[in-house]
N, C-alpha and C. Protein backbone atom coordinates (compact mmCIF):
# COMPACT_ATOMS: atom_id res chain seq x y z
N MET A 1 -8.81 33.25 -39.67
CA MET A 1 -10.16 33.36 -39.41
C MET A 1 -10.43 34.96 -40.31
N PRO A 2 -11.44 34.56 -40.64
CA PRO A 2 -12.13 35.80 -41.45
C PRO A 2 -12.16 37.48 -40.67
N ASP A 3 -12.26 38.12 -41.42
CA ASP A 3 -12.37 39.49 -40.89
C ASP A 3 -13.70 40.07 -41.28
N TYR A 4 -14.56 40.26 -40.17
CA TYR A 4 -15.84 40.63 -40.74
C TYR A 4 -15.82 42.33 -39.99
N SER A 5 -14.94 43.06 -40.08
CA SER A 5 -15.04 44.29 -39.70
C SER A 5 -15.61 45.24 -40.55
N ALA A 6 -15.59 44.93 -41.69
CA ALA A 6 -16.47 45.67 -42.83
C ALA A 6 -17.77 45.59 -42.61
N HIS A 7 -18.15 44.30 -42.45
CA HIS A 7 -19.32 43.90 -42.54
C HIS A 7 -19.79 42.79 -41.68
N PRO A 8 -20.01 43.29 -40.41
CA PRO A 8 -20.60 42.59 -39.19
C PRO A 8 -21.60 42.03 -39.29
N GLU A 9 -22.15 42.57 -40.14
CA GLU A 9 -23.66 41.61 -40.23
C GLU A 9 -23.83 40.33 -40.79
N LEU A 10 -22.27 40.25 -41.44
CA LEU A 10 -22.03 38.60 -42.31
C LEU A 10 -21.56 37.79 -41.18
N GLU A 11 -21.03 38.23 -39.83
CA GLU A 11 -20.45 37.49 -38.96
C GLU A 11 -21.19 36.30 -38.56
N PRO A 12 -20.95 34.82 -38.94
CA PRO A 12 -21.97 33.69 -38.31
C PRO A 12 -22.03 33.56 -36.85
N ALA A 13 -23.03 33.13 -36.09
CA ALA A 13 -23.27 33.24 -34.76
C ALA A 13 -22.22 32.17 -34.03
N ILE A 14 -21.60 31.29 -34.82
CA ILE A 14 -20.92 30.18 -34.14
C ILE A 14 -19.85 30.15 -35.44
N LEU A 15 -18.58 30.39 -34.85
CA LEU A 15 -17.31 30.28 -36.16
C LEU A 15 -17.34 28.95 -36.16
N LEU A 16 -17.04 28.23 -37.18
CA LEU A 16 -16.38 26.88 -37.41
C LEU A 16 -15.23 27.01 -38.18
N SER A 17 -14.22 26.03 -37.79
CA SER A 17 -12.88 25.80 -38.70
C SER A 17 -13.34 25.12 -40.00
N GLY A 18 -12.52 25.21 -40.75
CA GLY A 18 -12.53 24.77 -42.05
C GLY A 18 -12.85 23.14 -41.99
N ARG A 19 -11.91 22.51 -41.04
CA ARG A 19 -11.82 21.10 -41.02
C ARG A 19 -13.66 20.81 -40.44
N GLU A 20 -14.09 21.42 -39.39
CA GLU A 20 -15.51 21.47 -38.90
C GLU A 20 -16.40 21.49 -40.15
N ILE A 21 -16.27 22.52 -40.86
CA ILE A 21 -17.52 22.83 -41.82
C ILE A 21 -17.40 21.42 -43.11
N PHE A 22 -16.33 21.23 -43.33
CA PHE A 22 -15.89 19.92 -43.93
C PHE A 22 -16.70 18.66 -43.24
N GLU A 23 -16.44 18.47 -41.78
CA GLU A 23 -17.07 17.38 -41.32
C GLU A 23 -18.38 17.44 -41.46
N HIS A 24 -18.86 18.55 -41.26
CA HIS A 24 -20.51 18.48 -41.78
C HIS A 24 -21.04 18.09 -42.96
N TYR A 25 -20.23 18.59 -44.10
CA TYR A 25 -20.43 18.21 -45.46
C TYR A 25 -20.43 16.92 -45.72
N ALA A 26 -19.24 16.02 -45.08
CA ALA A 26 -19.13 14.62 -45.45
C ALA A 26 -20.10 13.80 -45.02
N ALA A 27 -20.54 14.34 -43.56
CA ALA A 27 -21.79 13.44 -43.25
C ALA A 27 -22.90 13.54 -43.72
N ASP A 28 -23.32 15.11 -44.42
CA ASP A 28 -24.70 14.75 -45.01
C ASP A 28 -24.30 14.30 -46.36
N MET A 29 -23.08 14.13 -46.94
CA MET A 29 -22.51 13.68 -48.47
C MET A 29 -23.12 12.01 -48.50
N GLU A 30 -23.38 11.41 -47.25
CA GLU A 30 -23.20 9.75 -47.52
C GLU A 30 -24.87 9.84 -47.62
N ARG A 31 -25.59 10.13 -47.09
CA ARG A 31 -27.18 10.13 -47.67
C ARG A 31 -27.43 10.48 -48.94
N HIS A 32 -26.94 11.44 -49.32
CA HIS A 32 -26.93 11.93 -50.58
C HIS A 32 -26.22 10.93 -51.85
N LEU A 33 -25.52 10.13 -51.31
CA LEU A 33 -24.29 9.27 -52.21
C LEU A 33 -25.26 8.07 -52.40
N ALA A 34 -26.20 7.66 -51.35
CA ALA A 34 -26.69 6.71 -51.20
C ALA A 34 -28.01 6.63 -52.18
N ALA A 35 -28.49 7.96 -52.06
CA ALA A 35 -29.83 7.96 -52.63
C ALA A 35 -29.55 7.79 -54.23
N ILE A 36 -28.33 7.96 -54.77
CA ILE A 36 -28.31 7.71 -56.09
C ILE A 36 -27.40 6.37 -56.28
N GLY A 37 -26.94 5.29 -55.25
CA GLY A 37 -26.48 4.07 -55.64
C GLY A 37 -24.89 4.74 -55.71
N ALA A 38 -24.51 5.49 -55.14
CA ALA A 38 -22.92 5.63 -55.18
C ALA A 38 -22.47 5.31 -53.64
N GLU A 39 -21.36 5.25 -53.54
CA GLU A 39 -20.64 4.89 -52.12
C GLU A 39 -19.18 5.80 -51.89
N ARG A 40 -19.13 6.03 -50.91
CA ARG A 40 -17.26 6.57 -50.61
C ARG A 40 -16.75 5.40 -49.92
N VAL A 41 -15.62 5.05 -50.88
CA VAL A 41 -14.73 3.86 -50.56
C VAL A 41 -13.63 4.02 -50.14
N PHE A 42 -13.57 5.73 -50.12
CA PHE A 42 -12.13 5.73 -49.31
C PHE A 42 -12.11 7.44 -48.84
N LEU A 43 -11.86 7.68 -47.29
CA LEU A 43 -11.49 8.98 -46.97
C LEU A 43 -10.65 8.81 -45.78
N ALA A 44 -9.41 9.77 -46.16
CA ALA A 44 -8.26 9.73 -45.18
C ALA A 44 -7.96 11.18 -45.27
N ASN A 45 -7.08 11.82 -44.30
CA ASN A 45 -5.98 12.69 -44.06
C ASN A 45 -5.13 12.77 -44.95
N GLY A 46 -5.39 13.92 -45.73
CA GLY A 46 -4.30 14.11 -46.67
C GLY A 46 -3.29 14.44 -46.35
N GLY A 47 -2.45 15.02 -45.35
CA GLY A 47 -1.63 15.88 -44.69
C GLY A 47 -1.77 17.13 -44.86
N SER A 48 -0.62 17.88 -44.64
CA SER A 48 -0.73 19.46 -44.86
C SER A 48 -1.67 20.07 -46.27
N CYS A 49 -2.20 20.94 -46.15
CA CYS A 49 -2.93 21.40 -47.14
C CYS A 49 -2.04 22.56 -47.91
N LEU A 50 -2.42 22.47 -49.46
CA LEU A 50 -1.59 23.09 -50.23
C LEU A 50 -2.07 24.67 -50.17
N ILE A 51 -3.13 24.96 -50.35
CA ILE A 51 -3.61 26.54 -50.16
C ILE A 51 -4.62 26.46 -49.13
N GLY A 52 -4.47 27.51 -48.57
CA GLY A 52 -5.28 27.73 -47.13
C GLY A 52 -4.77 28.75 -45.93
N PRO A 53 -5.57 29.00 -45.25
CA PRO A 53 -4.99 29.68 -44.15
C PRO A 53 -3.96 28.96 -43.24
N LEU A 54 -2.95 29.52 -42.79
CA LEU A 54 -1.64 29.04 -42.09
C LEU A 54 -2.51 28.24 -40.63
N ALA A 55 -3.42 28.82 -40.37
CA ALA A 55 -3.74 28.34 -38.83
C ALA A 55 -4.73 26.98 -38.87
N GLU A 56 -4.89 26.88 -40.63
CA GLU A 56 -5.76 25.39 -40.61
C GLU A 56 -4.85 24.48 -41.64
N ARG A 57 -4.10 23.68 -41.57
CA ARG A 57 -3.10 23.05 -42.20
C ARG A 57 -3.41 21.36 -41.94
N TRP A 58 -4.35 21.27 -42.89
CA TRP A 58 -5.28 20.05 -43.19
C TRP A 58 -5.62 19.72 -44.64
N ASP A 59 -5.82 18.49 -44.85
CA ASP A 59 -6.61 18.27 -45.85
C ASP A 59 -6.77 16.89 -46.07
N VAL A 60 -8.10 16.56 -46.84
CA VAL A 60 -8.67 15.35 -47.04
C VAL A 60 -8.53 14.86 -48.13
N VAL A 61 -8.36 13.41 -48.42
CA VAL A 61 -8.60 12.80 -49.69
C VAL A 61 -9.74 11.81 -49.76
N GLN A 62 -10.58 11.88 -50.59
CA GLN A 62 -11.91 10.67 -50.73
C GLN A 62 -11.89 10.44 -51.98
N LEU A 63 -12.62 9.16 -52.28
CA LEU A 63 -12.81 8.62 -53.21
C LEU A 63 -14.29 8.18 -53.40
N VAL A 64 -15.12 8.20 -54.53
CA VAL A 64 -16.17 7.79 -54.73
C VAL A 64 -16.54 7.17 -55.86
N ARG A 65 -17.09 5.70 -55.72
CA ARG A 65 -17.39 5.17 -56.66
C ARG A 65 -19.02 5.37 -56.96
N PHE A 66 -19.34 5.80 -58.13
CA PHE A 66 -20.58 6.05 -58.87
C PHE A 66 -21.00 4.95 -59.68
N PRO A 67 -22.32 4.20 -59.69
CA PRO A 67 -22.50 3.23 -60.61
C PRO A 67 -22.57 3.18 -62.02
N GLN A 68 -22.61 4.57 -62.32
CA GLN A 68 -22.49 5.11 -64.07
C GLN A 68 -22.30 6.37 -64.04
N PRO A 69 -22.12 7.14 -65.24
CA PRO A 69 -21.93 8.58 -65.19
C PRO A 69 -22.93 9.42 -64.93
N GLN A 70 -24.33 8.48 -65.41
CA GLN A 70 -25.43 9.64 -64.78
C GLN A 70 -25.72 9.77 -63.37
N ALA A 71 -24.99 8.88 -62.67
CA ALA A 71 -25.29 8.89 -61.17
C ALA A 71 -24.29 10.34 -60.63
N PHE A 72 -23.17 10.33 -61.42
CA PHE A 72 -22.01 11.79 -61.01
C PHE A 72 -22.97 12.90 -61.46
N LEU A 73 -23.53 13.01 -62.47
CA LEU A 73 -24.06 13.98 -62.90
C LEU A 73 -25.54 14.38 -62.04
N ALA A 74 -26.03 13.51 -61.56
CA ALA A 74 -27.29 13.70 -60.54
C ALA A 74 -26.70 14.13 -59.20
N TRP A 75 -25.82 13.55 -58.60
CA TRP A 75 -24.96 14.26 -57.67
C TRP A 75 -24.54 15.41 -57.72
N ARG A 76 -24.06 15.96 -58.88
CA ARG A 76 -23.76 17.24 -59.21
C ARG A 76 -24.74 18.15 -58.91
N GLN A 77 -25.86 17.81 -59.33
CA GLN A 77 -27.18 18.87 -59.38
C GLN A 77 -27.64 18.75 -57.78
N ILE A 78 -27.40 17.65 -57.27
CA ILE A 78 -28.03 17.55 -55.78
C ILE A 78 -27.04 18.52 -54.94
N ARG A 79 -25.76 18.79 -55.28
CA ARG A 79 -25.00 19.37 -54.35
C ARG A 79 -24.97 20.74 -54.49
N LYS A 80 -25.84 21.82 -55.65
CA LYS A 80 -25.91 22.87 -55.89
C LYS A 80 -26.77 23.67 -54.89
């Protein structure tokens, strides 16, 4: 867990794990992909994480199909 002792004003009201944050991101991602004609074709647990806190040993693998390169570039702009 992050240490907010130096800046307690930055501590969120509810602490979420990295996995919980990813699940929110992934759920929201579906509608953005659909808007540009893209789709997630694969999502699975990837096993233990290569880089990350010891308390969170998880990773995810996903594959997204974009209808054309312009759709990928449009998605990159949406996610900013």
